PDB file of N, CA and C in Angstrom:
ATOM      1  N   MET A   1       0.841  -1.182   0.042  1.00  0.00           N
ATOM      2  CA  MET A   1      -0.084   0.092   0.047  1.00  0.00           C
ATOM      3  C   MET A   1       0.715   1.168   0.018  1.00  0.00           C
ATOM      4  N   ASN A   2       0.405   2.233  -0.821  1.00  0.00           N
ATOM      5  CA  ASN A   2       1.239   3.447  -0.790  1.00  0.00           C
ATOM      6  C   ASN A   2       1.380   4.160   0.656  1.00  0.00           C
ATOM      7  N   LEU A   3       2.416   4.540   1.586  1.00  0.00           N
ATOM      8  CA  LEU A   3       2.866   4.912   2.387  1.00  0.00           C
ATOM      9  C   LEU A   3       1.739   6.158   2.826  1.00  0.00           C
ATOM     10  N   ASN A   4       1.220   6.932   1.909  1.00  0.00           N
ATOM     11  CA  ASN A   4       0.312   7.968   1.911  1.00  0.00           C
ATOM     12  C   ASN A   4      -0.711   7.366   2.438  1.00  0.00           C
ATOM     13  N   TYR A   5      -1.284   6.642   1.842  1.00  0.00           N
ATOM     14  CA  TYR A   5      -2.585   5.728   1.905  1.00  0.00           C
ATOM     15  C   TYR A   5      -2.251   4.553   3.586  1.00  0.00           C
ATOM     16  N   ALA A   6      -1.598   4.480   3.762  1.00  0.00           N
ATOM     17  CA  ALA A   6      -1.019   3.442   4.822  1.00  0.00           C
ATOM     18  C   ALA A   6      -1.529   4.350   6.224  1.00  0.00           C
ATOM     19  N   ALA A   7      -0.655   5.570   6.138  1.00  0.00           N
ATOM     20  CA  ALA A   7      -0.558   6.585   7.483  1.00  0.00           C
ATOM     21  C   ALA A   7      -2.302   6.694   7.386  1.00  0.00           C
ATOM     22  N   CYS A   8      -2.713   7.060   6.355  1.00  0.00           N
ATOM     23  CA  CYS A   8      -4.280   7.260   6.632  1.00  0.00           C
ATOM     24  C   CYS A   8      -5.249   6.249   7.011  1.00  0.00           C
ATOM     25  N   VAL A   9      -5.103   5.355   6.559  1.00  0.00           N
ATOM     26  CA  VAL A   9      -5.466   4.290   6.834  1.00  0.00           C
ATOM     27  C   VAL A   9      -5.436   3.761   8.354  1.00  0.00           C
ATOM     28  N   LYS A  10      -4.179   3.884   8.841  1.00  0.00           N
ATOM     29  CA  LYS A  10      -3.633   3.509  10.253  1.00  0.00           C
ATOM     30  C   LYS A  10      -4.379   4.390  11.228  1.00  0.00           C
ATOM     31  N   GLU A  11      -4.297   5.808  10.995  1.00  0.00           N
ATOM     32  CA  GLU A  11      -5.197   6.945  11.795  1.00  0.00           C
ATOM     33  C   GLU A  11      -6.441   6.869  11.810  1.00  0.00           C
ATOM     34  N   GLU A  12      -7.381   5.872  10.637  1.00  0.00           N
ATOM     35  CA  GLU A  12      -8.572   6.003  10.941  1.00  0.00           C
ATOM     36  C   GLU A  12      -9.124   4.742  11.632  1.00  0.00           C
ATOM     37  N   ILE A  13      -8.499   3.450  11.626  1.00  0.00           N
ATOM     38  CA  ILE A  13      -8.445   2.742  12.235  1.00  0.00           C
ATOM     39  C   ILE A  13      -7.928   2.824  13.458  1.00  0.00           C
ATOM     40  N   ASP A  14      -7.008   3.466  13.987  1.00  0.00           N
ATOM     41  CA  ASP A  14      -6.970   4.043  15.342  1.00  0.00           C
ATOM     42  C   ASP A  14      -8.422   4.983  15.944  1.00  0.00           C
ATOM     43  N   LYS A  15      -8.411   5.586  15.474  1.00  0.00           N
ATOM     44  CA  LYS A  15      -9.607   6.580  15.553  1.00  0.00           C
ATOM     45  C   LYS A  15     -10.926   5.546  15.836  1.00  0.00           C
ATOM     46  N   LEU A  16     -11.242   4.717  15.277  1.00  0.00           N
ATOM     47  CA  LEU A  16     -12.250   3.813  15.106  1.00  0.00           C
ATOM     48  C   LEU A  16     -12.215   2.903  16.315  1.00  0.00           C
ATOM     49  N   LEU A  17     -11.019   2.508  16.575  1.00  0.00           N
ATOM     50  CA  LEU A  17     -10.713   1.574  17.705  1.00  0.00           C
ATOM     51  C   LEU A  17     -10.545   2.031  19.188  1.00  0.00           C
ATOM     52  N   LYS A  18     -10.410   3.311  19.025  1.00  0.00           N
ATOM     53  CA  LYS A  18     -10.546   4.161  20.005  1.00  0.00           C
ATOM     54  C   LYS A  18     -12.015   4.731  20.332  1.00  0.00           C
ATOM     55  N   ILE A  19     -12.603   5.294  19.937  1.00  0.00           N
ATOM     56  CA  ILE A  19     -14.085   5.438  19.928  1.00  0.00           C
ATOM     57  C   ILE A  19     -14.956   3.702  20.356  1.00  0.00           C
ATOM     58  N   GLY A  20     -14.489   2.872  20.047  1.00  0.00           N
ATOM     59  CA  GLY A  20     -14.970   1.644  20.339  1.00  0.00           C
ATOM     60  C   GLY A  20     -15.905   1.011  18.748  1.00  0.00           C
ATOM     61  N   PHE A  21     -15.709   1.457  17.733  1.00  0.00           N
ATOM     62  CA  PHE A  21     -16.656   1.519  16.794  1.00  0.00           C
ATOM     63  C   PHE A  21     -16.062   0.319  16.047  1.00  0.00           C
ATOM     64  N   ILE A  22     -14.912  -0.175  16.448  1.00  0.00           N
ATOM     65  CA  ILE A  22     -14.374  -1.329  15.707  1.00  0.00           C
ATOM     66  C   ILE A  22     -13.625  -2.478  17.079  1.00  0.00           C
ATOM     67  N   ARG A  23     -13.407  -3.226  16.444  1.00  0.00           N
ATOM     68  CA  ARG A  23     -12.469  -4.147  17.946  1.00  0.00           C
ATOM     69  C   ARG A  23     -11.856  -4.932  16.951  1.00  0.00           C
ATOM     70  N   PRO A  24     -10.496  -5.070  17.859  1.00  0.00           N
ATOM     71  CA  PRO A  24      -9.163  -6.395  16.985  1.00  0.00           C
ATOM     72  C   PRO A  24     -10.271  -8.224  17.320  1.00  0.00           C
ATOM     73  N   VAL A  25     -10.053  -9.044  16.041  1.00  0.00           N
ATOM     74  CA  VAL A  25     -10.761  -9.616  16.022  1.00  0.00           C
ATOM     75  C   VAL A  25      -9.760 -10.877  15.734  1.00  0.00           C
ATOM     76  N   LYS A  26      -9.456 -12.016  16.449  1.00  0.00           N
ATOM     77  CA  LYS A  26      -8.468 -13.007  16.049  1.00  0.00           C
ATOM     78  C   LYS A  26      -8.650 -13.842  14.636  1.00  0.00           C
ATOM     79  N   GLN A  27      -9.791 -13.697  14.379  1.00  0.00           N
ATOM     80  CA  GLN A  27      -9.869 -14.560  12.840  1.00  0.00           C
ATOM     81  C   GLN A  27     -11.033 -14.005  12.616  1.00  0.00           C
ATOM     82  N   ALA A  28     -11.265 -13.822  11.300  1.00  0.00           N
ATOM     83  CA  ALA A  28     -12.236 -12.956  10.594  1.00  0.00           C
ATOM     84  C   ALA A  28     -13.006 -14.076   9.747  1.00  0.00           C
ATOM     85  N   LEU A  29     -14.552 -14.152  10.019  1.00  0.00           N
ATOM     86  CA  LEU A  29     -15.159 -15.135   9.155  1.00  0.00           C
ATOM     87  C   LEU A  29     -15.331 -14.299   7.611  1.00  0.00           C
ATOM     88  N   TRP A  30     -15.505 -13.292   7.524  1.00  0.00           N
ATOM     89  CA  TRP A  30     -15.375 -12.157   5.895  1.00  0.00           C
ATOM     90  C   TRP A  30     -14.486 -10.964   5.907  1.00  0.00           C
ATOM     91  N   LEU A  31     -14.042 -11.147   4.912  1.00  0.00           N
ATOM     92  CA  LEU A  31     -13.291  -9.341   4.747  1.00  0.00           C
ATOM     93  C   LEU A  31     -13.908  -8.646   3.367  1.00  0.00           C
ATOM     94  N   SER A  32     -13.981  -7.724   3.518  1.00  0.00           N
ATOM     95  CA  SER A  32     -14.184  -6.637   2.441  1.00  0.00           C
ATOM     96  C   SER A  32     -12.839  -5.806   2.344  1.00  0.00           C
ATOM     97  N   PRO A  33     -12.271  -5.144   0.897  1.00  0.00           N
ATOM     98  CA  PRO A  33     -11.186  -4.967   0.610  1.00  0.00           C
ATOM     99  C   PRO A  33     -11.432  -3.168   1.104  1.00  0.00           C
ATOM    100  N   ILE A  34     -10.517  -2.465   1.220  1.00  0.00           N
ATOM    101  CA  ILE A  34     -10.336  -1.322   1.698  1.00  0.00           C
ATOM    102  C   ILE A  34     -10.117  -0.331   0.537  1.00  0.00           C
ATOM    103  N   ILE A  35     -10.591   0.771  -0.020  1.00  0.00           N
ATOM    104  CA  ILE A  35     -10.609   1.618  -1.054  1.00  0.00           C
ATOM    105  C   ILE A  35     -10.354   2.941  -0.453  1.00  0.00           C
ATOM    106  N   ILE A  36      -9.114   3.370  -0.938  1.00  0.00           N
ATOM    107  CA  ILE A  36      -8.727   5.203  -0.413  1.00  0.00           C
ATOM    108  C   ILE A  36      -9.215   5.639  -1.764  1.00  0.00           C
ATOM    109  N   ILE A  37      -9.744   6.838  -1.580  1.00  0.00           N
ATOM    110  CA  ILE A  37     -10.286   7.859  -2.657  1.00  0.00           C
ATOM    111  C   ILE A  37      -9.621   9.243  -2.016  1.00  0.00           C
ATOM    112  N   PRO A  38      -8.935   9.518  -2.997  1.00  0.00           N
ATOM    113  CA  PRO A  38      -8.152  11.204  -3.024  1.00  0.00           C
ATOM    114  C   PRO A  38      -9.299  12.129  -3.105  1.00  0.00           C
ATOM    115  N   LYS A  39      -9.413  13.171  -1.951  1.00  0.00           N
ATOM    116  CA  LYS A  39     -10.694  14.444  -2.100  1.00  0.00           C
ATOM    117  C   LYS A  39      -9.859  15.476  -2.600  1.00  0.00           C
ATOM    118  N   LYS A  40     -10.817  16.227  -2.974  1.00  0.00           N
ATOM    119  CA  LYS A  40      -9.808  17.502  -3.597  1.00  0.00           C
ATOM    120  C   LYS A  40      -9.581  18.450  -2.623  1.00  0.00           C
ATOM    121  N   ASN A  41      -9.317  17.902  -1.236  1.00  0.00           N
ATOM    122  CA  ASN A  41      -8.858  19.074  -0.609  1.00  0.00           C
ATOM    123  C   ASN A  41      -7.292  18.439   0.051  1.00  0.00           C
ATOM    124  N   GLY A  42      -6.762  17.418  -0.965  1.00  0.00           N
ATOM    125  CA  GLY A  42      -5.972  16.327  -0.736  1.00  0.00           C
ATOM    126  C   GLY A  42      -5.856  15.702   0.950  1.00  0.00           C
ATOM    127  N   LYS A  43      -7.101  15.555   1.166  1.00  0.00           N
ATOM    128  CA  LYS A  43      -7.154  14.206   2.520  1.00  0.00           C
ATOM    129  C   LYS A  43      -7.475  13.219   1.561  1.00  0.00           C
ATOM    130  N   PHE A  44      -7.629  11.750   2.222  1.00  0.00           N
ATOM    131  CA  PHE A  44      -8.066  11.087   1.747  1.00  0.00           C
ATOM    132  C   PHE A  44      -9.816  10.435   2.189  1.00  0.00           C
ATOM    133  N   ARG A  45     -10.814   9.550   1.711  1.00  0.00           N
ATOM    134  CA  ARG A  45     -11.603   8.928   2.530  1.00  0.00           C
ATOM    135  C   ARG A  45     -11.318   7.546   1.993  1.00  0.00           C
ATOM    136  N   ILE A  46     -11.466   6.861   3.246  1.00  0.00           N
ATOM    137  CA  ILE A  46     -11.498   5.534   3.392  1.00  0.00           C
ATOM    138  C   ILE A  46     -13.401   5.211   3.149  1.00  0.00           C
ATOM    139  N   CYS A  47     -12.937   4.570   2.255  1.00  0.00           N
ATOM    140  CA  CYS A  47     -14.423   3.743   1.973  1.00  0.00           C
ATOM    141  C   CYS A  47     -13.743   1.861   1.733  1.00  0.00           C
ATOM    142  N   VAL A  48     -15.084   1.034   2.116  1.00  0.00           N
ATOM    143  CA  VAL A  48     -15.002  -0.315   1.773  1.00  0.00           C
ATOM    144  C   VAL A  48     -15.699  -0.630   1.087  1.00  0.00           C
ATOM    145  N   ASP A  49     -15.371  -1.804   0.117  1.00  0.00           N
ATOM    146  CA  ASP A  49     -16.018  -2.217  -1.048  1.00  0.00           C
ATOM    147  C   ASP A  49     -16.766  -3.459  -0.491  1.00  0.00           C
ATOM    148  N   TYR A  50     -18.070  -3.675  -0.093  1.00  0.00           N
ATOM    149  CA  TYR A  50     -18.978  -4.564   0.300  1.00  0.00           C
ATOM    150  C   TYR A  50     -19.454  -5.348  -0.936  1.00  0.00           C
ATOM    151  N   GLN A  51     -19.069  -5.146  -2.195  1.00  0.00           N
ATOM    152  CA  GLN A  51     -19.631  -5.771  -3.513  1.00  0.00           C
ATOM    153  C   GLN A  51     -19.682  -7.579  -3.051  1.00  0.00           C
ATOM    154  N   LYS A  52     -18.818  -7.784  -2.408  1.00  0.00           N
ATOM    155  CA  LYS A  52     -19.014  -9.786  -2.375  1.00  0.00           C
ATOM    156  C   LYS A  52     -19.694  -9.810  -0.952  1.00  0.00           C
ATOM    157  N   LEU A  53     -19.908  -9.404   0.135  1.00  0.00           N
ATOM    158  CA  LEU A  53     -20.919  -9.412   1.195  1.00  0.00           C
ATOM    159  C   LEU A  53     -22.415  -8.762   0.167  1.00  0.00           C
ATOM    160  N   ASP A  54     -22.378  -7.940  -0.476  1.00  0.00           N
ATOM    161  CA  ASP A  54     -23.893  -7.774  -0.965  1.00  0.00           C
ATOM    162  C   ASP A  54     -24.209  -9.090  -2.102  1.00  0.00           C
ATOM    163  N   ALA A  55     -23.282  -9.863  -2.654  1.00  0.00           N
ATOM    164  CA  ALA A  55     -24.107 -10.463  -3.321  1.00  0.00           C
ATOM    165  C   ALA A  55     -24.599 -11.792  -2.594  1.00  0.00           C
ATOM    166  N   VAL A  56     -24.044 -11.997  -1.281  1.00  0.00           N
ATOM    167  CA  VAL A  56     -24.616 -12.912  -0.195  1.00  0.00           C
ATOM    168  C   VAL A  56     -25.569 -12.393   0.553  1.00  0.00           C
ATOM    169  N   THR A  57     -25.830 -11.152   0.667  1.00  0.00           N
ATOM    170  CA  THR A  57     -27.053 -10.352   1.311  1.00  0.00           C
ATOM    171  C   THR A  57     -28.278 -10.841   0.964  1.00  0.00           C
ATOM    172  N   ILE A  58     -29.395 -11.309   1.443  1.00  0.00           N
ATOM    173  CA  ILE A  58     -30.758 -11.628   1.273  1.00  0.00           C
ATOM    174  C   ILE A  58     -30.907 -10.265   0.999  1.00  0.00           C
ATOM    175  N   THR A  59     -32.164  -9.848   0.185  1.00  0.00           N
ATOM    176  CA  THR A  59     -32.446  -8.398  -0.410  1.00  0.00           C
ATOM    177  C   THR A  59     -34.021  -8.353   0.470  1.00  0.00           C
ATOM    178  N   ASP A  60     -34.008  -7.019   1.110  1.00  0.00           N
ATOM    179  CA  ASP A  60     -34.890  -6.448   2.112  1.00  0.00           C
ATOM    180  C   ASP A  60     -36.078  -6.730   1.330  1.00  0.00           C
ATOM    181  N   VAL A  61     -37.306  -7.388   2.340  1.00  0.00           N
ATOM    182  CA  VAL A  61     -38.435  -7.200   1.483  1.00  0.00           C
ATOM    183  C   VAL A  61     -39.157  -6.080   1.626  1.00  0.00           C
ATOM    184  N   PHE A  62     -38.687  -5.114   2.611  1.00  0.00           N
ATOM    185  CA  PHE A  62     -39.303  -3.537   2.649  1.00  0.00           C
ATOM    186  C   PHE A  62     -38.221  -2.849   2.533  1.00  0.00           C
ATOM    187  N   PRO A  63     -38.173  -2.231   0.807  1.00  0.00           N
ATOM    188  CA  PRO A  63     -37.045  -1.301   0.357  1.00  0.00           C
ATOM    189  C   PRO A  63     -37.625   0.102   0.873  1.00  0.00           C
ATOM    190  N   LEU A  64     -36.403   0.854   0.726  1.00  0.00           N
ATOM    191  CA  LEU A  64     -36.661   1.889   0.914  1.00  0.00           C
ATOM    192  C   LEU A  64     -37.393   3.043  -0.246  1.00  0.00           C
ATOM    193  N   PRO A  65     -38.117   3.746   0.073  1.00  0.00           N
ATOM    194  CA  PRO A  65     -39.251   4.074  -0.960  1.00  0.00           C
ATOM    195  C   PRO A  65     -38.878   5.173  -2.097  1.00  0.00           C
ATOM    196  N   PHE A  66     -39.509   5.129  -2.931  1.00  0.00           N
ATOM    197  CA  PHE A  66     -38.665   6.027  -4.282  1.00  0.00           C
ATOM    198  C   PHE A  66     -39.143   7.406  -3.656  1.00  0.00           C
ATOM    199  N   THR A  67     -38.085   8.406  -4.464  1.00  0.00           N
ATOM    200  CA  THR A  67     -38.349   9.751  -3.805  1.00  0.00           C
ATOM    201  C   THR A  67     -39.437  10.091  -4.683  1.00  0.00           C
ATOM    202  N   GLU A  68     -40.463   9.589  -5.174  1.00  0.00           N
ATOM    203  CA  GLU A  68     -41.412  10.175  -5.848  1.00  0.00           C
ATOM    204  C   GLU A  68     -42.304  10.020  -4.466  1.00  0.00           C
ATOM    205  N   GLY A  69     -42.637   8.692  -4.369  1.00  0.00           N
ATOM    206  CA  GLY A  69     -43.360   8.472  -3.290  1.00  0.00           C
ATOM    207  C   GLY A  69     -43.233   9.346  -1.972  1.00  0.00           C
ATOM    208  N   VAL A  70     -42.274   9.473  -1.783  1.00  0.00           N
ATOM    209  CA  VAL A  70     -41.643  10.505  -0.516  1.00  0.00           C
ATOM    210  C   VAL A  70     -42.463  11.838  -0.776  1.00  0.00           C
ATOM    211  N   LEU A  71     -41.968  12.388  -2.177  1.00  0.00           N
ATOM    212  CA  LEU A  71     -42.823  13.556  -2.730  1.00  0.00           C
ATOM    213  C   LEU A  71     -44.322  14.005  -2.283  1.00  0.00           C
ATOM    214  N   ASN A  72     -44.854  12.968  -2.619  1.00  0.00           N
ATOM    215  CA  ASN A  72     -46.036  13.096  -2.871  1.00  0.00           C
ATOM    216  C   ASN A  72     -46.637  12.477  -1.283  1.00  0.00           C
ATOM    217  N   THR A  73     -45.643  12.240  -0.398  1.00  0.00           N
ATOM    218  CA  THR A  73     -46.133  12.489   0.970  1.00  0.00           C
ATOM    219  C   THR A  73     -46.388  13.466   1.843  1.00  0.00           C
ATOM    220  N   ILE A  74     -45.021  14.450   0.951  1.00  0.00           N
ATOM    221  CA  ILE A  74     -44.605  15.779   2.044  1.00  0.00           C
ATOM    222  C   ILE A  74     -45.853  16.959   1.203  1.00  0.00           C
ATOM    223  N   ALA A  75     -46.170  16.709  -0.110  1.00  0.00           N
ATOM    224  CA  ALA A  75     -46.310  17.982  -0.973  1.00  0.00           C
ATOM    225  C   ALA A  75     -48.206  18.248   0.340  1.00  0.00           C
ATOM    226  N   GLY A  76     -47.753  19.473  -0.120  1.00  0.00           N
ATOM    227  CA  GLY A  76     -49.431  20.074   0.008  1.00  0.00           C
ATOM    228  C   GLY A  76     -49.269  20.177   1.849  1.00  0.00           C
ATOM    229  N   HIS A  77     -48.251  19.777   2.567  1.00  0.00           N
ATOM    230  CA  HIS A  77     -47.866  20.533   4.123  1.00  0.00           C
ATOM    231  C   HIS A  77     -46.875  21.745   3.870  1.00  0.00           C
ATOM    232  N   GLU A  78     -47.210  22.451   5.167  1.00  0.00           N
ATOM    233  CA  GLU A  78     -46.915  23.490   5.284  1.00  0.00           C
ATOM    234  C   GLU A  78     -45.141  23.745   5.304  1.00  0.00           C
ATOM    235  N   MET A  79     -44.659  22.759   6.093  1.00  0.00           N
ATOM    236  CA  MET A  79     -43.466  22.607   6.268  1.00  0.00           C
ATOM    237  C   MET A  79     -43.004  21.007   6.668  1.00  0.00           C
ATOM    238  N   TYR A  80     -41.508  20.957   6.495  1.00  0.00           N
ATOM    239  CA  TYR A  80     -40.833  19.476   6.511  1.00  0.00           C
ATOM    240  C   TYR A  80     -39.459  19.585   7.064  1.00  0.00           C
ATOM    241  N   SER A  81     -39.123  18.714   7.912  1.00  0.00           N
ATOM    242  CA  SER A  81     -37.884  18.753   8.429  1.00  0.00           C
ATOM    243  C   SER A  81     -37.016  17.278   7.726  1.00  0.00           C
ATOM    244  N   LEU A  82     -35.609  18.123   7.787  1.00  0.00           N
ATOM    245  CA  LEU A  82     -34.935  16.333   7.164  1.00  0.00           C
ATOM    246  C   LEU A  82     -33.611  16.180   7.712  1.00  0.00           C
ATOM    247  N   LEU A  83     -33.101  14.928   8.698  1.00  0.00           N
ATOM    248  CA  LEU A  83     -32.139  15.265   9.623  1.00  0.00           C
ATOM    249  C   LEU A  83     -31.173  14.175   8.671  1.00  0.00           C
ATOM    250  N   ASP A  84     -29.699  15.420   8.750  1.00  0.00           N
ATOM    251  CA  ASP A  84     -29.167  15.235   8.018  1.00  0.00           C
ATOM    252  C   ASP A  84     -27.962  14.380   8.966  1.00  0.00           C
ATOM    253  N   GLY A  85     -27.957  13.075   8.163  1.00  0.00           N
ATOM    254  CA  GLY A  85     -26.959  12.208   9.231  1.00  0.00           C
ATOM    255  C   GLY A  85     -25.312  11.800   8.835  1.00  0.00           C
ATOM    256  N   PHE A  86     -24.884  12.963   7.986  1.00  0.00           N
ATOM    257  CA  PHE A  86     -23.701  12.456   8.142  1.00  0.00           C
ATOM    258  C   PHE A  86     -22.926  12.089   9.260  1.00  0.00           C
ATOM    259  N   ASN A  87     -22.111  10.954   9.382  1.00  0.00           N
ATOM    260  CA  ASN A  87     -21.007  10.292   9.823  1.00  0.00           C
ATOM    261  C   ASN A  87     -21.951   9.637  11.159  1.00  0.00           C
ATOM    262  N   ASP A  88     -23.499   9.955  11.192  1.00  0.00           N
ATOM    263  CA  ASP A  88     -23.929   9.802  12.531  1.00  0.00           C
ATOM    264  C   ASP A  88     -24.528   8.002  12.541  1.00  0.00           C
ATOM    265  N   TYR A  89     -24.290   7.249  11.383  1.00  0.00           N
ATOM    266  CA  TYR A  89     -24.185   5.885  11.209  1.00  0.00           C
ATOM    267  C   TYR A  89     -23.186   5.504  11.896  1.00  0.00           C
ATOM    268  N   ASN A  90     -22.242   6.072  12.137  1.00  0.00           N
ATOM    269  CA  ASN A  90     -20.988   5.148  13.585  1.00  0.00           C
ATOM    270  C   ASN A  90     -21.682   5.540  14.664  1.00  0.00           C
ATOM    271  N   LYS A  91     -22.798   6.146  15.157  1.00  0.00           N
ATOM    272  CA  LYS A  91     -22.941   6.119  16.121  1.00  0.00           C
ATOM    273  C   LYS A  91     -24.591   5.473  16.913  1.00  0.00           C
ATOM    274  N   ILE A  92     -24.871   4.610  15.724  1.00  0.00           N
ATOM    275  CA  ILE A  92     -25.656   3.476  15.836  1.00  0.00           C
ATOM    276  C   ILE A  92     -25.137   2.454  16.828  1.00  0.00           C
ATOM    277  N   HIS A  93     -25.601   1.828  17.832  1.00  0.00           N
ATOM    278  CA  HIS A  93     -25.391   0.999  18.808  1.00  0.00           C
ATOM    279  C   HIS A  93     -26.065  -0.414  18.496  1.00  0.00           C
ATOM    280  N   ILE A  94     -24.883  -1.353  17.960  1.00  0.00           N
ATOM    281  CA  ILE A  94     -26.026  -2.523  17.546  1.00  0.00           C
ATOM    282  C   ILE A  94     -25.419  -3.804  18.284  1.00  0.00           C
ATOM    283  N   HIS A  95     -26.716  -4.641  19.002  1.00  0.00           N
ATOM    284  CA  HIS A  95     -26.122  -5.658  19.658  1.00  0.00           C
ATOM    285  C   HIS A  95     -25.377  -6.604  19.581  1.00  0.00           C
ATOM    286  N   PRO A  96     -25.001  -7.068  20.285  1.00  0.00           N
ATOM    287  CA  PRO A  96     -23.572  -7.989  20.172  1.00  0.00           C
ATOM    288  C   PRO A  96     -24.048  -9.254  19.273  1.00  0.00           C
ATOM    289  N   ASP A  97     -25.181  -9.800  19.860  1.00  0.00           N
ATOM    290  CA  ASP A  97     -25.543 -11.254  19.878  1.00  0.00           C
ATOM    291  C   ASP A  97     -26.208 -11.262  18.107  1.00  0.00           C
ATOM    292  N   ASN A  98     -26.750  -9.958  17.387  1.00  0.00           N
ATOM    293  CA  ASN A  98     -27.482  -9.567  16.442  1.00  0.00           C
ATOM    294  C   ASN A  98     -26.219  -9.412  15.460  1.00  0.00           C
TER     295      ASN A  98
END
């Protein structure tokens, strides 16, 4: 791995370990590759390629609604609000038995 990328990945992993979002494991049951995306500001975005995991995942029988359906639901109301969940997915606690 490129040394610049390796330092960025180590920093991100250390941050996630520190906040308890991830933890070390002795043996992984599955792995997904890390992809490093350079941003315009010179920093890097660390992403995970879940294509192999997606291939074995059972499709949700209750998919997210289409944009048209959402717009029809809010049409005619005086106001509505939108929750910006940027990075908040890291704050969702999942029970370890699930």
